[in-house]
Amino acid sequence: MKTIGILVSSKHNNIALIQDAIDKGVIEAHIGLIVMSEPVSDVMELAREHEIQTLSLSDEIYMDPVLADEIITVQLQENQCDMVYVDNYTKPVSAPIFQTYPLATLACHHSLLPAFAGEQCVEATYFSDVKVTGITFHFVQDLFGLGPIIAQEPLRIDPNWNLEELSESLFELASSHVIEVLKAYIEDRILISEEGCTKVIS
């Protein structure tokens, strides 16, 4: 059974969704640690109910991203985490994490990579002239937060949406696919070629 470490930053996260899938036996895993870049009341309450360890670091520590991730990595290891899911986490994920968990650190980027690969991807998409965007589940392997792509899902942009509506639509799209991606990884159904290409076996 896999033990998942999850990194979150806001109320827009999938912690409850993931825990529900675990409770229902949809994915055979448990959450070993939840790292919050800032305290999130709903997440803290869920963690208490399920006796999940949590970690929240100060802004001062986050000023040194490598130091912050060294602390996080130690806690991930102490809680026997086998994998890491970066769930709407606004802090950079640096080498201590992705080198300790190579091809075991997963994230979801709210664009169709390689388009709009930066941190402000939703804003960049909104102020561009593209008609279709989407989400990209991928491994994290470098300081830019990139790595082999696992899966992508498109989203047609409603021209009447404002920025918040676009952001919410992308979050909802990611939420509708996160369990199947985590399930595929946990069941060893994601194959990676020597060239870095991935294939998910159904």
C-alpha atoms as a PDB file:
ATOM      1  CA  MET A   1       0.000   0.000   0.000  1.00  0.00           C
ATOM      2  CA  LYS A   2       1.376   3.401  -0.997  1.00  0.00           C
ATOM      3  CA  THR A   3       1.700   6.254   1.445  1.00  0.00           C
ATOM      4  CA  ILE A   4       1.038   9.656  -0.109  1.00  0.00           C
ATOM      5  CA  GLY A   5       2.470  12.982   0.949  1.00  0.00           C
ATOM      6  CA  ILE A   6       0.362  15.897  -0.289  1.00  0.00           C
ATOM      7  CA  LEU A   7       1.425  19.533  -0.669  1.00  0.00           C
ATOM      8  CA  VAL A   8      -1.358  22.146  -0.642  1.00  0.00           C
ATOM      9  CA  SER A   9      -1.663  25.926  -0.426  1.00  0.00           C
ATOM     10  CA  SER A  10      -5.317  26.908  -0.330  1.00  0.00           C
ATOM     11  CA  LYS A  11      -8.915  25.807   0.100  1.00  0.00           C
ATOM     12  CA  HIS A  12      -8.842  24.842  -3.588  1.00  0.00           C
ATOM     13  CA  ASN A  13      -7.398  21.374  -3.069  1.00  0.00           C
ATOM     14  CA  ASN A  14      -8.378  17.751  -3.523  1.00  0.00           C
ATOM     15  CA  ILE A  15      -7.534  16.413  -0.074  1.00  0.00           C
ATOM     16  CA  ALA A  16     -11.135  15.478   0.774  1.00  0.00           C
ATOM     17  CA  LEU A  17     -11.623  13.897  -2.658  1.00  0.00           C
ATOM     18  CA  ILE A  18      -8.486  11.788  -2.274  1.00  0.00           C
ATOM     19  CA  GLN A  19      -9.362  10.738   1.274  1.00  0.00           C
ATOM     20  CA  ASP A  20     -12.862   9.769   0.147  1.00  0.00           C
ATOM     21  CA  ALA A  21     -11.405   7.589  -2.621  1.00  0.00           C
ATOM     22  CA  ILE A  22      -9.156   5.941  -0.029  1.00  0.00           C
ATOM     23  CA  ASP A  23     -12.069   5.364   2.368  1.00  0.00           C
ATOM     24  CA  LYS A  24     -14.112   3.769  -0.423  1.00  0.00           C
ATOM     25  CA  GLY A  25     -11.232   1.539  -1.533  1.00  0.00           C
ATOM     26  CA  VAL A  26     -10.990   3.153  -4.953  1.00  0.00           C
ATOM     27  CA  ILE A  27      -7.275   3.652  -4.414  1.00  0.00           C
ATOM     28  CA  GLU A  28      -5.217   1.447  -2.119  1.00  0.00           C
ATOM     29  CA  ALA A  29      -3.198   4.015  -0.231  1.00  0.00           C
ATOM     30  CA  HIS A  30      -3.262   6.289   2.756  1.00  0.00           C
ATOM     31  CA  ILE A  31      -2.153   9.860   3.321  1.00  0.00           C
ATOM     32  CA  GLY A  32       0.953   9.991   5.489  1.00  0.00           C
ATOM     33  CA  LEU A  33       1.575  13.730   5.565  1.00  0.00           C
ATOM     34  CA  ILE A  34      -0.144  16.932   4.468  1.00  0.00           C
ATOM     35  CA  VAL A  35       2.121  19.933   3.966  1.00  0.00           C
ATOM     36  CA  MET A  36       0.391  23.336   3.965  1.00  0.00           C
ATOM     37  CA  SER A  37       2.174  26.499   2.883  1.00  0.00           C
ATOM     38  CA  GLU A  38      -0.440  28.246   5.022  1.00  0.00           C
ATOM     39  CA  PRO A  39      -2.972  26.753   7.469  1.00  0.00           C
ATOM     40  CA  VAL A  40      -6.195  25.634   5.762  1.00  0.00           C
ATOM     41  CA  SER A  41      -9.000  25.018   8.266  1.00  0.00           C
ATOM     42  CA  ASP A  42     -10.850  22.345   6.260  1.00  0.00           C
ATOM     43  CA  VAL A  43      -7.632  20.432   5.649  1.00  0.00           C
ATOM     44  CA  MET A  44      -6.623  20.641   9.306  1.00  0.00           C
ATOM     45  CA  GLU A  45     -10.034  19.343  10.366  1.00  0.00           C
ATOM     46  CA  LEU A  46      -9.842  16.416   7.927  1.00  0.00           C
ATOM     47  CA  ALA A  47      -6.324  15.619   9.121  1.00  0.00           C
ATOM     48  CA  ARG A  48      -7.509  15.520  12.738  1.00  0.00           C
ATOM     49  CA  GLU A  49     -10.437  13.258  11.868  1.00  0.00           C
ATOM     50  CA  HIS A  50      -8.192  10.784  10.038  1.00  0.00           C
ATOM     51  CA  GLU A  51      -5.141  11.171  12.294  1.00  0.00           C
ATOM     52  CA  ILE A  52      -2.961  12.441   9.445  1.00  0.00           C
ATOM     53  CA  GLN A  53       0.243  14.282  10.260  1.00  0.00           C
ATOM     54  CA  THR A  54       0.431  17.889   9.051  1.00  0.00           C
ATOM     55  CA  LEU A  55       3.252  20.343   8.521  1.00  0.00           C
ATOM     56  CA  SER A  56       3.004  24.113   8.069  1.00  0.00           C
ATOM     57  CA  LEU A  57       6.132  26.210   7.644  1.00  0.00           C
ATOM     58  CA  SER A  58       6.583  29.910   8.305  1.00  0.00           C
ATOM     59  CA  ASP A  59       7.034  32.534   5.604  1.00  0.00           C
ATOM     60  CA  GLU A  60      10.567  33.081   6.891  1.00  0.00           C
ATOM     61  CA  ILE A  61      11.514  29.471   6.192  1.00  0.00           C
ATOM     62  CA  TYR A  62       9.891  29.591   2.752  1.00  0.00           C
ATOM     63  CA  MET A  63      12.204  32.498   1.881  1.00  0.00           C
ATOM     64  CA  ASP A  64      14.816  29.765   1.366  1.00  0.00           C
ATOM     65  CA  PRO A  65      13.017  27.239  -0.893  1.00  0.00           C
ATOM     66  CA  VAL A  66      15.758  24.626  -0.601  1.00  0.00           C
ATOM     67  CA  LEU A  67      15.776  24.783   3.200  1.00  0.00           C
ATOM     68  CA  ALA A  68      11.973  24.545   3.234  1.00  0.00           C
ATOM     69  CA  ASP A  69      12.023  21.492   0.987  1.00  0.00           C
ATOM     70  CA  GLU A  70      14.784  19.869   3.020  1.00  0.00           C
ATOM     71  CA  ILE A  71      12.543  20.148   6.088  1.00  0.00           C
ATOM     72  CA  ILE A  72       9.555  18.853   4.127  1.00  0.00           C
ATOM     73  CA  THR A  73      11.560  15.931   2.733  1.00  0.00           C
ATOM     74  CA  VAL A  74      12.653  14.859   6.211  1.00  0.00           C
ATOM     75  CA  GLN A  75       9.020  14.868   7.337  1.00  0.00           C
ATOM     76  CA  LEU A  76       7.908  12.949   4.242  1.00  0.00           C
ATOM     77  CA  GLN A  77      10.499  10.290   4.985  1.00  0.00           C
ATOM     78  CA  GLU A  78       9.712  10.157   8.696  1.00  0.00           C
ATOM     79  CA  ASN A  79       6.069   9.540   7.794  1.00  0.00           C
ATOM     80  CA  GLN A  80       7.146   6.815   5.341  1.00  0.00           C
ATOM     81  CA  CYS A  81       5.713   8.502   2.255  1.00  0.00           C
ATOM     82  CA  ASP A  82       6.365   6.638  -1.003  1.00  0.00           C
ATOM     83  CA  MET A  83       5.109   9.378  -3.316  1.00  0.00           C
ATOM     84  CA  VAL A  84       4.241  13.068  -3.368  1.00  0.00           C
ATOM     85  CA  TYR A  85       1.273  14.804  -4.955  1.00  0.00           C
ATOM     86  CA  VAL A  86       1.574  18.557  -5.488  1.00  0.00           C
ATOM     87  CA  ASP A  87      -2.024  19.755  -5.146  1.00  0.00           C
ATOM     88  CA  ASN A  88      -2.421  23.448  -6.071  1.00  0.00           C
ATOM     89  CA  TYR A  89       0.749  24.180  -4.105  1.00  0.00           C
ATOM     90  CA  THR A  90       1.966  27.700  -4.840  1.00  0.00           C
ATOM     91  CA  LYS A  91       5.510  27.252  -3.554  1.00  0.00           C
ATOM     92  CA  PRO A  92       8.294  25.957  -5.818  1.00  0.00           C
ATOM     93  CA  VAL A  93       9.217  22.299  -5.475  1.00  0.00           C
ATOM     94  CA  SER A  94      12.992  22.027  -5.402  1.00  0.00           C
ATOM     95  CA  ALA A  95      15.656  19.329  -5.583  1.00  0.00           C
ATOM     96  CA  PRO A  96      15.388  17.903  -2.046  1.00  0.00           C
ATOM     97  CA  ILE A  97      11.888  16.665  -2.866  1.00  0.00           C
ATOM     98  CA  PHE A  98      12.044  15.609  -6.507  1.00  0.00           C
ATOM     99  CA  GLN A  99      15.497  14.045  -6.157  1.00  0.00           C
ATOM    100  CA  THR A 100      14.388  12.085  -3.100  1.00  0.00           C
ATOM    101  CA  TYR A 101      11.203  11.048  -4.915  1.00  0.00           C
ATOM    102  CA  PRO A 102      12.303  10.640  -8.564  1.00  0.00           C
ATOM    103  CA  LEU A 103       9.359   9.765 -10.788  1.00  0.00           C
ATOM    104  CA  ALA A 104       7.280   9.716  -7.621  1.00  0.00           C
ATOM    105  CA  THR A 105       6.459  13.422  -7.390  1.00  0.00           C
ATOM    106  CA  LEU A 106       3.268  14.165  -9.346  1.00  0.00           C
ATOM    107  CA  ALA A 107       1.577  17.480 -10.054  1.00  0.00           C
ATOM    108  CA  CYS A 108      -1.186  19.002 -12.149  1.00  0.00           C
ATOM    109  CA  HIS A 109      -0.444  22.114 -14.207  1.00  0.00           C
ATOM    110  CA  HIS A 110      -3.406  24.204 -15.319  1.00  0.00           C
ATOM    111  CA  SER A 111      -2.512  24.459 -18.988  1.00  0.00           C
ATOM    112  CA  LEU A 112      -1.783  22.107 -21.852  1.00  0.00           C
ATOM    113  CA  LEU A 113       1.979  21.883 -21.545  1.00  0.00           C
ATOM    114  CA  PRO A 114       4.279  22.934 -23.093  1.00  0.00           C
ATOM    115  CA  ALA A 115       2.011  25.981 -23.577  1.00  0.00           C
ATOM    116  CA  PHE A 116       1.945  28.470 -20.679  1.00  0.00           C
ATOM    117  CA  ALA A 117       4.455  26.610 -18.548  1.00  0.00           C
ATOM    118  CA  GLY A 118       4.976  29.410 -16.017  1.00  0.00           C
ATOM    119  CA  GLU A 119       3.516  29.948 -12.571  1.00  0.00           C
ATOM    120  CA  GLN A 120       0.931  32.452 -13.856  1.00  0.00           C
ATOM    121  CA  CYS A 121      -0.368  30.001 -16.447  1.00  0.00           C
ATOM    122  CA  VAL A 122      -4.071  30.711 -15.927  1.00  0.00           C
ATOM    123  CA  GLU A 123      -3.599  34.459 -16.166  1.00  0.00           C
ATOM    124  CA  ALA A 124      -1.405  34.067 -19.243  1.00  0.00           C
ATOM    125  CA  THR A 125      -4.034  31.856 -20.854  1.00  0.00           C
ATOM    126  CA  TYR A 126      -6.861  34.244 -20.019  1.00  0.00           C
ATOM    127  CA  PHE A 127      -5.141  37.250 -21.552  1.00  0.00           C
ATOM    128  CA  SER A 128      -4.089  35.346 -24.676  1.00  0.00           C
ATOM    129  CA  ASP A 129      -6.201  34.616 -27.743  1.00  0.00           C
ATOM    130  CA  VAL A 130      -6.299  30.827 -27.324  1.00  0.00           C
ATOM    131  CA  LYS A 131      -9.690  29.139 -27.539  1.00  0.00           C
ATOM    132  CA  VAL A 132      -8.732  25.869 -25.853  1.00  0.00           C
ATOM    133  CA  THR A 133      -6.664  25.260 -22.744  1.00  0.00           C
ATOM    134  CA  GLY A 134      -6.650  22.354 -20.310  1.00  0.00           C
ATOM    135  CA  ILE A 135      -4.722  20.538 -17.609  1.00  0.00           C
ATOM    136  CA  THR A 136      -1.566  18.453 -17.588  1.00  0.00           C
ATOM    137  CA  PHE A 137      -0.729  15.790 -15.015  1.00  0.00           C
ATOM    138  CA  HIS A 138       3.016  15.247 -14.975  1.00  0.00           C
ATOM    139  CA  PHE A 139       6.010  14.171 -12.940  1.00  0.00           C
ATOM    140  CA  VAL A 140       8.146  16.863 -11.323  1.00  0.00           C
ATOM    141  CA  GLN A 141      11.801  16.446 -12.229  1.00  0.00           C
ATOM    142  CA  ASP A 142      13.399  19.875 -12.351  1.00  0.00           C
ATOM    143  CA  LEU A 143      13.381  23.337 -10.812  1.00  0.00           C
ATOM    144  CA  PHE A 144      10.803  24.477 -13.357  1.00  0.00           C
ATOM    145  CA  GLY A 145       8.357  21.909 -12.016  1.00  0.00           C
ATOM    146  CA  LEU A 146       8.391  19.959 -15.260  1.00  0.00           C
ATOM    147  CA  GLY A 147       8.869  16.296 -16.132  1.00  0.00           C
ATOM    148  CA  PRO A 148       7.315  13.510 -18.215  1.00  0.00           C
ATOM    149  CA  ILE A 149       3.659  14.134 -19.012  1.00  0.00           C
ATOM    150  CA  ILE A 150       1.234  11.538 -17.653  1.00  0.00           C
ATOM    151  CA  ALA A 151      -2.100  12.771 -19.031  1.00  0.00           C
ATOM    152  CA  GLN A 152      -3.720  15.861 -20.527  1.00  0.00           C
ATOM    153  CA  GLU A 153      -7.332  16.943 -20.733  1.00  0.00           C
ATOM    154  CA  PRO A 154      -8.564  19.862 -22.874  1.00  0.00           C
ATOM    155  CA  LEU A 155     -11.009  22.592 -21.906  1.00  0.00           C
ATOM    156  CA  ARG A 156     -12.749  24.879 -24.377  1.00  0.00           C
ATOM    157  CA  ILE A 157     -12.755  28.438 -23.048  1.00  0.00           C
ATOM    158  CA  ASP A 158     -16.121  30.149 -22.805  1.00  0.00           C
ATOM    159  CA  PRO A 159     -15.574  33.701 -24.122  1.00  0.00           C
ATOM    160  CA  ASN A 160     -17.927  34.984 -21.395  1.00  0.00           C
ATOM    161  CA  TRP A 161     -15.801  33.634 -18.543  1.00  0.00           C
ATOM    162  CA  ASN A 162     -13.876  35.990 -16.341  1.00  0.00           C
ATOM    163  CA  LEU A 163     -10.483  35.023 -14.922  1.00  0.00           C
ATOM    164  CA  GLU A 164     -11.955  33.505 -11.760  1.00  0.00           C
ATOM    165  CA  GLU A 165     -14.393  31.364 -13.767  1.00  0.00           C
ATOM    166  CA  LEU A 166     -11.599  30.075 -15.978  1.00  0.00           C
ATOM    167  CA  SER A 167      -9.514  29.233 -12.916  1.00  0.00           C
ATOM    168  CA  GLU A 168     -12.458  27.444 -11.269  1.00  0.00           C
ATOM    169  CA  SER A 169     -13.238  25.482 -14.441  1.00  0.00           C
ATOM    170  CA  LEU A 170      -9.639  24.270 -14.660  1.00  0.00           C
ATOM    171  CA  PHE A 171      -9.667  23.265 -10.993  1.00  0.00           C
ATOM    172  CA  GLU A 172     -12.904  21.316 -11.488  1.00  0.00           C
ATOM    173  CA  LEU A 173     -11.428  19.579 -14.545  1.00  0.00           C
ATOM    174  CA  ALA A 174      -8.340  18.592 -12.552  1.00  0.00           C
ATOM    175  CA  SER A 175     -10.511  17.338  -9.684  1.00  0.00           C
ATOM    176  CA  SER A 176     -12.478  15.126 -12.059  1.00  0.00           C
ATOM    177  CA  HIS A 177      -9.293  13.299 -13.143  1.00  0.00           C
ATOM    178  CA  VAL A 178      -6.948  13.342 -10.153  1.00  0.00           C
ATOM    179  CA  ILE A 179      -8.173  10.052  -8.697  1.00  0.00           C
ATOM    180  CA  GLU A 180      -7.709   8.103 -11.923  1.00  0.00           C
ATOM    181  CA  VAL A 181      -4.175   9.489 -12.289  1.00  0.00           C
ATOM    182  CA  LEU A 182      -3.204   8.654  -8.710  1.00  0.00           C
ATOM    183  CA  LYS A 183      -4.822   5.237  -9.071  1.00  0.00           C
ATOM    184  CA  ALA A 184      -2.828   4.546 -12.241  1.00  0.00           C
ATOM    185  CA  TYR A 185       0.410   5.481 -10.495  1.00  0.00           C
ATOM    186  CA  ILE A 186      -0.346   3.485  -7.356  1.00  0.00           C
ATOM    187  CA  GLU A 187      -1.202   0.433  -9.475  1.00  0.00           C
ATOM    188  CA  ASP A 188       2.042   0.788 -11.496  1.00  0.00           C
ATOM    189  CA  ARG A 189       0.145   1.414 -14.727  1.00  0.00           C
ATOM    190  CA  ILE A 190       2.204   4.415 -15.853  1.00  0.00           C
ATOM    191  CA  LEU A 191       5.028   3.295 -18.124  1.00  0.00           C
ATOM    192  CA  ILE A 192       7.913   5.633 -18.979  1.00  0.00           C
ATOM    193  CA  SER A 193      10.153   5.030 -21.988  1.00  0.00           C
ATOM    194  CA  GLU A 194      13.863   5.846 -22.151  1.00  0.00           C
ATOM    195  CA  GLU A 195      12.906   8.954 -24.131  1.00  0.00           C
ATOM    196  CA  GLY A 196      10.709  10.153 -21.271  1.00  0.00           C
ATOM    197  CA  CYS A 197       7.396   9.400 -22.977  1.00  0.00           C
ATOM    198  CA  THR A 198       4.650   7.970 -20.797  1.00  0.00           C
ATOM    199  CA  LYS A 199       1.840   5.519 -21.410  1.00  0.00           C
ATOM    200  CA  VAL A 200      -0.992   4.762 -19.009  1.00  0.00           C
ATOM    201  CA  ILE A 201      -2.195   1.167 -19.191  1.00  0.00           C
ATOM    202  CA  SER A 202      -5.916   0.762 -18.646  1.00  0.00           C
END
